[in-house]
N, C-alpha and C. Protein backbone atom coordinates (compact mmCIF):
# COMPACT_ATOMS: atom_id res chain seq x y z
N MET A 1 184.99 203.45 140.87
CA MET A 1 184.81 204.74 140.23
C MET A 1 185.65 205.78 140.94
N ILE A 2 186.55 206.39 140.22
CA ILE A 2 187.32 207.51 140.73
C ILE A 2 187.00 208.69 139.83
N LEU A 3 186.65 209.80 140.44
CA LEU A 3 186.31 211.00 139.69
C LEU A 3 187.23 212.10 140.18
N GLY A 4 188.06 212.63 139.30
CA GLY A 4 189.00 213.67 139.69
C GLY A 4 189.03 214.80 138.69
N ILE A 5 189.80 215.84 139.02
CA ILE A 5 189.99 216.95 138.11
C ILE A 5 191.48 217.24 137.99
N LYS A 6 191.84 217.81 136.85
CA LYS A 6 193.24 218.08 136.58
C LYS A 6 193.32 219.13 135.48
N SER A 7 194.35 219.95 135.55
CA SER A 7 194.58 220.90 134.47
C SER A 7 195.05 220.14 133.24
N ILE A 8 194.60 220.57 132.09
CA ILE A 8 195.03 219.92 130.85
C ILE A 8 196.52 220.14 130.62
N TYR A 9 197.08 221.15 131.28
CA TYR A 9 198.50 221.45 131.12
C TYR A 9 199.39 220.56 132.00
N ASP A 10 198.77 219.82 132.93
CA ASP A 10 199.52 218.86 133.75
C ASP A 10 199.81 217.61 132.94
N LYS A 11 200.86 216.91 133.34
CA LYS A 11 201.21 215.67 132.63
C LYS A 11 200.16 214.60 132.85
N THR A 12 200.00 213.77 131.85
CA THR A 12 199.08 212.64 131.92
C THR A 12 199.63 211.64 132.93
N GLY A 13 198.73 211.14 133.78
CA GLY A 13 199.14 210.14 134.77
C GLY A 13 198.56 208.78 134.44
N ILE A 14 199.18 207.74 134.95
CA ILE A 14 198.69 206.39 134.67
C ILE A 14 197.37 206.12 135.40
N THR A 15 197.07 206.91 136.41
CA THR A 15 195.83 206.72 137.16
C THR A 15 194.72 207.66 136.70
N ASP A 16 194.92 208.35 135.60
CA ASP A 16 193.93 209.33 135.13
C ASP A 16 192.62 208.69 134.69
N GLY A 17 192.64 207.48 134.21
CA GLY A 17 191.42 206.90 133.66
C GLY A 17 191.07 207.59 132.36
N LYS A 18 189.78 207.69 132.07
CA LYS A 18 189.34 208.39 130.85
C LYS A 18 189.46 209.88 131.08
N ARG A 19 190.15 210.54 130.17
CA ARG A 19 190.39 211.99 130.29
C ARG A 19 189.35 212.74 129.47
N ILE A 20 188.55 213.56 130.16
CA ILE A 20 187.44 214.26 129.52
C ILE A 20 187.63 215.78 129.69
N LEU A 21 187.78 216.46 128.58
CA LEU A 21 187.90 217.92 128.60
C LEU A 21 186.51 218.51 128.77
N VAL A 22 186.34 219.37 129.78
CA VAL A 22 185.01 219.92 130.09
C VAL A 22 184.97 221.44 129.91
N ASP A 23 185.73 221.94 128.96
CA ASP A 23 185.72 223.37 128.63
C ASP A 23 185.03 223.58 127.28
N ARG A 24 184.44 224.75 127.12
CA ARG A 24 183.73 225.06 125.88
C ARG A 24 184.70 225.33 124.73
N LEU A 25 185.84 225.93 125.05
CA LEU A 25 186.83 226.27 124.04
C LEU A 25 188.04 225.34 124.16
N TRP A 26 188.67 225.09 123.01
CA TRP A 26 189.88 224.26 123.04
C TRP A 26 190.99 225.06 123.72
N PRO A 27 191.77 224.42 124.61
CA PRO A 27 192.81 225.14 125.36
C PRO A 27 193.92 225.69 124.47
N ARG A 28 194.37 226.87 124.82
CA ARG A 28 195.45 227.50 124.06
C ARG A 28 196.75 226.72 124.22
N GLY A 29 197.47 226.62 123.14
CA GLY A 29 198.79 226.01 123.17
C GLY A 29 198.79 224.49 123.26
N VAL A 30 197.63 223.87 123.15
CA VAL A 30 197.54 222.41 123.25
C VAL A 30 197.16 221.86 121.87
N ARG A 31 198.01 220.99 121.35
CA ARG A 31 197.70 220.37 120.06
C ARG A 31 196.72 219.23 120.26
N ARG A 32 195.78 219.15 119.39
CA ARG A 32 194.80 218.05 119.48
C ARG A 32 195.47 216.69 119.32
N SER A 33 196.51 216.65 118.54
CA SER A 33 197.20 215.38 118.29
C SER A 33 197.97 214.88 119.51
N THR A 34 198.35 215.77 120.41
CA THR A 34 199.14 215.36 121.58
C THR A 34 198.42 215.59 122.91
N ALA A 35 197.15 215.97 122.85
CA ALA A 35 196.42 216.33 124.07
C ALA A 35 196.10 215.14 124.97
N ASN A 36 196.07 213.94 124.40
CA ASN A 36 195.74 212.73 125.18
C ASN A 36 194.39 212.87 125.88
N ILE A 37 193.38 213.24 125.09
CA ILE A 37 192.02 213.41 125.59
C ILE A 37 191.14 212.33 124.97
N ASP A 38 190.36 211.67 125.80
CA ASP A 38 189.45 210.63 125.30
C ASP A 38 188.16 211.23 124.75
N THR A 39 187.66 212.28 125.41
CA THR A 39 186.40 212.91 125.01
C THR A 39 186.47 214.40 125.29
N TRP A 40 185.88 215.18 124.41
CA TRP A 40 185.73 216.62 124.65
C TRP A 40 184.24 216.88 124.79
N MET A 41 183.81 217.14 126.03
CA MET A 41 182.39 217.39 126.30
C MET A 41 182.16 218.90 126.47
N LYS A 42 182.25 219.62 125.38
CA LYS A 42 182.11 221.07 125.47
C LYS A 42 180.69 221.50 125.82
N ASP A 43 179.70 220.63 125.56
CA ASP A 43 178.32 221.00 125.86
C ASP A 43 177.95 220.85 127.33
N ILE A 44 178.87 220.30 128.14
CA ILE A 44 178.62 220.23 129.57
C ILE A 44 179.30 221.42 130.29
N ALA A 45 180.07 222.17 129.52
CA ALA A 45 180.74 223.35 130.06
C ALA A 45 179.73 224.47 130.30
N PRO A 46 180.09 225.47 131.09
CA PRO A 46 179.17 226.59 131.32
C PRO A 46 178.87 227.33 130.01
N SER A 47 177.74 227.98 129.98
CA SER A 47 177.37 228.77 128.80
C SER A 47 178.45 229.82 128.53
N ASN A 48 178.46 230.29 127.32
CA ASN A 48 179.46 231.29 126.93
C ASN A 48 179.35 232.54 127.80
N ALA A 49 178.14 232.97 128.10
CA ALA A 49 177.94 234.17 128.91
C ALA A 49 178.54 233.99 130.31
N LEU A 50 178.29 232.82 130.92
CA LEU A 50 178.86 232.56 132.25
C LEU A 50 180.38 232.50 132.19
N ARG A 51 180.89 231.82 131.20
CA ARG A 51 182.34 231.67 131.05
C ARG A 51 183.02 233.03 130.91
N LEU A 52 182.46 233.88 130.07
CA LEU A 52 183.05 235.21 129.86
C LEU A 52 182.98 236.07 131.12
N LYS A 53 181.85 236.00 131.82
CA LYS A 53 181.68 236.79 133.04
C LYS A 53 182.70 236.38 134.10
N LEU A 54 182.89 235.08 134.29
CA LEU A 54 183.86 234.61 135.29
C LEU A 54 185.28 235.00 134.88
N HIS A 55 185.58 234.90 133.61
CA HIS A 55 186.92 235.26 133.14
C HIS A 55 187.22 236.74 133.41
N ALA A 56 186.22 237.58 133.18
CA ALA A 56 186.41 239.02 133.38
C ALA A 56 186.35 239.42 134.84
N HIS A 57 185.58 238.67 135.66
CA HIS A 57 185.37 239.03 137.07
C HIS A 57 185.51 237.80 137.97
N PRO A 58 186.75 237.42 138.32
CA PRO A 58 186.94 236.23 139.15
C PRO A 58 186.24 236.31 140.51
N GLU A 59 186.01 237.52 141.01
CA GLU A 59 185.33 237.69 142.30
C GLU A 59 183.86 237.28 142.22
N TRP A 60 183.36 237.07 141.03
CA TRP A 60 181.98 236.69 140.76
C TRP A 60 181.78 235.17 140.90
N TYR A 61 182.79 234.45 141.32
CA TYR A 61 182.75 232.98 141.37
C TYR A 61 181.55 232.41 142.13
N PRO A 62 181.19 232.92 143.32
CA PRO A 62 180.01 232.35 144.01
C PRO A 62 178.74 232.41 143.16
N MET A 63 178.54 233.52 142.45
CA MET A 63 177.36 233.63 141.59
C MET A 63 177.51 232.72 140.36
N PHE A 64 178.72 232.65 139.83
CA PHE A 64 178.99 231.74 138.71
C PHE A 64 178.62 230.31 139.10
N LYS A 65 179.06 229.91 140.27
CA LYS A 65 178.80 228.54 140.75
C LYS A 65 177.29 228.27 140.82
N LYS A 66 176.56 229.21 141.38
CA LYS A 66 175.10 229.06 141.50
C LYS A 66 174.44 228.93 140.12
N LYS A 67 174.84 229.79 139.20
CA LYS A 67 174.22 229.77 137.86
C LYS A 67 174.65 228.55 137.07
N TYR A 68 175.90 228.13 137.23
CA TYR A 68 176.37 226.95 136.50
C TYR A 68 175.68 225.68 137.03
N LEU A 69 175.47 225.61 138.33
CA LEU A 69 174.73 224.48 138.90
C LEU A 69 173.31 224.41 138.33
N ALA A 70 172.70 225.56 138.15
CA ALA A 70 171.36 225.60 137.55
C ALA A 70 171.41 225.09 136.10
N GLU A 71 172.45 225.45 135.36
CA GLU A 71 172.60 224.95 134.00
C GLU A 71 172.79 223.43 134.01
N LEU A 72 173.58 222.93 134.95
CA LEU A 72 173.83 221.49 135.03
C LEU A 72 172.56 220.71 135.34
N GLU A 73 171.69 221.29 136.15
CA GLU A 73 170.42 220.62 136.48
C GLU A 73 169.59 220.35 135.23
N ARG A 74 169.74 221.21 134.22
CA ARG A 74 168.96 221.07 132.99
C ARG A 74 169.72 220.37 131.86
N ASN A 75 170.97 220.01 132.11
CA ASN A 75 171.82 219.46 131.06
C ASN A 75 171.68 217.94 130.96
N PRO A 76 171.22 217.42 129.83
CA PRO A 76 171.04 215.97 129.69
C PRO A 76 172.35 215.19 129.67
N LEU A 77 173.47 215.84 129.41
CA LEU A 77 174.75 215.15 129.39
C LEU A 77 175.22 214.71 130.78
N VAL A 78 174.64 215.30 131.80
CA VAL A 78 175.03 214.94 133.17
C VAL A 78 174.80 213.45 133.42
N ASN A 79 173.65 212.95 133.01
CA ASN A 79 173.34 211.54 133.23
C ASN A 79 174.30 210.62 132.49
N SER A 80 174.68 210.98 131.28
CA SER A 80 175.62 210.13 130.55
C SER A 80 176.99 210.13 131.23
N LEU A 81 177.38 211.26 131.79
CA LEU A 81 178.66 211.33 132.51
C LEU A 81 178.60 210.52 133.81
N ILE A 82 177.46 210.56 134.49
CA ILE A 82 177.29 209.76 135.71
C ILE A 82 177.36 208.28 135.36
N ASN A 83 176.66 207.87 134.33
CA ASN A 83 176.68 206.46 133.92
C ASN A 83 178.09 206.02 133.52
N ARG A 84 178.78 206.88 132.83
CA ARG A 84 180.15 206.56 132.42
C ARG A 84 181.06 206.43 133.64
N SER A 85 180.85 207.28 134.63
CA SER A 85 181.70 207.24 135.83
C SER A 85 181.46 205.97 136.65
N LYS A 86 180.32 205.34 136.45
CA LYS A 86 180.05 204.07 137.15
C LYS A 86 180.83 202.92 136.51
N ARG A 87 181.17 203.06 135.24
CA ARG A 87 181.87 201.99 134.51
C ARG A 87 183.38 202.14 134.52
N GLU A 88 183.87 203.38 134.63
CA GLU A 88 185.31 203.62 134.51
C GLU A 88 185.74 204.85 135.28
N ASP A 89 187.03 204.92 135.59
CA ASP A 89 187.59 206.09 136.25
C ASP A 89 187.60 207.26 135.27
N ILE A 90 187.34 208.45 135.80
CA ILE A 90 187.24 209.64 134.95
C ILE A 90 188.08 210.76 135.55
N MET A 91 188.81 211.45 134.67
CA MET A 91 189.54 212.65 135.04
C MET A 91 188.98 213.80 134.23
N LEU A 92 188.36 214.77 134.91
CA LEU A 92 187.82 215.95 134.24
C LEU A 92 188.97 216.93 134.03
N LEU A 93 189.13 217.38 132.81
CA LEU A 93 190.23 218.29 132.47
C LEU A 93 189.70 219.69 132.22
N TYR A 94 190.44 220.67 132.71
CA TYR A 94 190.09 222.08 132.50
C TYR A 94 191.32 222.84 132.06
N ALA A 95 191.12 223.99 131.44
CA ALA A 95 192.24 224.79 130.94
C ALA A 95 192.45 226.08 131.74
N SER A 96 191.58 226.38 132.66
CA SER A 96 191.69 227.62 133.42
C SER A 96 193.01 227.68 134.18
N ARG A 97 193.57 228.86 134.24
CA ARG A 97 194.80 229.05 135.03
C ARG A 97 194.48 229.14 136.53
N ASN A 98 193.22 229.38 136.83
CA ASN A 98 192.78 229.46 138.22
C ASN A 98 192.42 228.04 138.69
N HIS A 99 193.27 227.47 139.51
CA HIS A 99 193.08 226.08 139.93
C HIS A 99 192.11 225.94 141.11
N ARG A 100 191.69 227.04 141.70
CA ARG A 100 190.77 226.98 142.85
C ARG A 100 189.34 227.36 142.50
N GLN A 101 189.17 228.09 141.41
CA GLN A 101 187.83 228.54 141.02
C GLN A 101 187.64 228.34 139.53
N ASN A 102 187.09 227.18 139.17
CA ASN A 102 186.85 226.93 137.76
C ASN A 102 185.65 225.99 137.60
N ASN A 103 185.21 225.82 136.38
CA ASN A 103 184.02 225.03 136.12
C ASN A 103 184.20 223.55 136.45
N ALA A 104 185.39 223.01 136.31
CA ALA A 104 185.62 221.59 136.60
C ALA A 104 185.39 221.27 138.07
N ILE A 105 185.74 222.20 138.95
CA ILE A 105 185.52 222.00 140.39
C ILE A 105 184.02 221.92 140.67
N VAL A 106 183.28 222.84 140.09
CA VAL A 106 181.83 222.86 140.29
C VAL A 106 181.20 221.59 139.71
N LEU A 107 181.62 221.21 138.52
CA LEU A 107 181.09 220.01 137.87
C LEU A 107 181.40 218.76 138.68
N MET A 108 182.62 218.64 139.18
CA MET A 108 182.99 217.45 139.95
C MET A 108 182.15 217.32 141.22
N SER A 109 181.98 218.42 141.95
CA SER A 109 181.19 218.34 143.18
C SER A 109 179.73 218.03 142.86
N PHE A 110 179.21 218.60 141.78
CA PHE A 110 177.84 218.32 141.35
C PHE A 110 177.68 216.84 141.02
N LEU A 111 178.62 216.30 140.25
CA LEU A 111 178.55 214.88 139.87
C LEU A 111 178.65 213.97 141.09
N ARG A 112 179.54 214.29 142.00
CA ARG A 112 179.69 213.46 143.20
C ARG A 112 178.40 213.44 144.02
N GLU A 113 177.76 214.59 144.16
CA GLU A 113 176.48 214.64 144.88
C GLU A 113 175.42 213.82 144.16
N ARG A 114 175.35 213.97 142.84
CA ARG A 114 174.37 213.23 142.06
C ARG A 114 174.60 211.73 142.14
N ILE A 115 175.86 211.31 142.06
CA ILE A 115 176.21 209.89 142.13
C ILE A 115 175.82 209.33 143.49
N ALA A 116 176.08 210.09 144.55
CA ALA A 116 175.71 209.64 145.90
C ALA A 116 174.20 209.49 146.01
N THR A 117 173.46 210.43 145.44
CA THR A 117 172.00 210.37 145.48
C THR A 117 171.49 209.16 144.69
N VAL A 118 172.04 208.95 143.51
CA VAL A 118 171.63 207.81 142.68
C VAL A 118 171.95 206.50 143.40
N ASP A 119 173.13 206.41 143.99
CA ASP A 119 173.51 205.19 144.72
C ASP A 119 172.56 204.93 145.88
N LYS A 120 172.19 205.99 146.58
CA LYS A 120 171.27 205.85 147.72
C LYS A 120 169.90 205.36 147.23
N GLU A 121 169.43 205.93 146.13
CA GLU A 121 168.14 205.50 145.56
C GLU A 121 168.21 204.05 145.09
N ASP A 122 169.33 203.68 144.48
CA ASP A 122 169.49 202.29 144.02
C ASP A 122 169.48 201.32 145.20
N ARG A 123 170.15 201.67 146.29
CA ARG A 123 170.15 200.81 147.49
C ARG A 123 168.74 200.68 148.06
N LYS A 124 168.01 201.79 148.07
CA LYS A 124 166.65 201.78 148.60
C LYS A 124 165.74 200.88 147.74
N LYS A 125 165.87 200.98 146.41
CA LYS A 125 165.08 200.13 145.52
C LYS A 125 165.43 198.66 145.73
N GLU A 126 166.70 198.36 145.91
CA GLU A 126 167.11 196.98 146.14
C GLU A 126 166.54 196.44 147.45
N GLU A 127 166.56 197.27 148.50
CA GLU A 127 165.98 196.86 149.78
C GLU A 127 164.48 196.59 149.63
N GLN A 128 163.78 197.46 148.91
CA GLN A 128 162.35 197.27 148.69
C GLN A 128 162.08 195.99 147.90
N ARG A 129 162.91 195.71 146.91
CA ARG A 129 162.77 194.51 146.11
C ARG A 129 162.96 193.26 146.97
N GLN A 130 163.96 193.30 147.85
CA GLN A 130 164.22 192.16 148.72
C GLN A 130 163.10 191.96 149.73
N LYS A 131 162.55 193.05 150.26
CA LYS A 131 161.43 192.94 151.20
C LYS A 131 160.21 192.34 150.50
N ALA A 132 159.96 192.75 149.26
CA ALA A 132 158.83 192.21 148.50
C ALA A 132 159.02 190.72 148.25
N MET A 133 160.24 190.29 147.98
CA MET A 133 160.52 188.86 147.78
C MET A 133 160.26 188.07 149.06
N VAL A 134 160.66 188.62 150.20
CA VAL A 134 160.44 187.95 151.49
C VAL A 134 158.94 187.82 151.74
N ARG A 135 158.18 188.89 151.46
CA ARG A 135 156.73 188.84 151.66
C ARG A 135 156.09 187.80 150.75
N ARG A 136 156.52 187.72 149.48
CA ARG A 136 155.99 186.73 148.56
C ARG A 136 156.30 185.31 149.04
N GLU A 137 157.53 185.11 149.48
CA GLU A 137 157.91 183.78 149.98
C GLU A 137 157.09 183.40 151.20
N ALA A 138 156.88 184.36 152.11
CA ALA A 138 156.08 184.10 153.30
C ALA A 138 154.64 183.79 152.91
N SER A 139 154.11 184.50 151.94
CA SER A 139 152.75 184.25 151.46
C SER A 139 152.62 182.85 150.85
N LEU A 140 153.61 182.47 150.07
CA LEU A 140 153.60 181.13 149.46
C LEU A 140 153.70 180.03 150.52
N THR A 141 154.49 180.28 151.54
CA THR A 141 154.63 179.31 152.62
C THR A 141 153.31 179.13 153.36
N ILE A 142 152.61 180.23 153.63
CA ILE A 142 151.33 180.17 154.32
C ILE A 142 150.31 179.42 153.46
N GLN A 143 150.32 179.69 152.14
CA GLN A 143 149.36 179.00 151.24
C GLN A 143 149.63 177.51 151.20
N LYS A 144 150.90 177.10 151.23
CA LYS A 144 151.24 175.68 151.21
C LYS A 144 150.79 174.98 152.49
N GLN A 145 150.81 175.71 153.60
CA GLN A 145 150.44 175.13 154.88
C GLN A 145 148.93 174.90 154.98
N LYS A 146 148.14 175.59 154.20
CA LYS A 146 146.68 175.47 154.26
C LYS A 146 146.19 174.25 153.63
């Protein structure tokens, strides 16, 4: 699983994997026929109010990040994106001209944290399952000895 971000205005790379546009609005100057986008997940983008506020006030980015993270916590599409990222490489695409402060950066870090948490929980469940199997086997061995 590789999870990256890229401007939609950058050239498509062979290592991009599935290209997912994560903006609410279609990017200016980009034709749908030539965009080379696999999925447009506009419902995972920040709300219109957040998007407009950040566009008008770039200095508001720390507050934007906090509010967008809260939106992501409630967004059911997050889980589908996490599951998809486990099966294939994903490149999150954004249209913002600001390459350091945009929604794709926040989304990518959120997803990476969530994936790490899910992986940790999965490992813990697997360890518990293996311990339970060892206990069952030990119990069966003791019963056979009686």
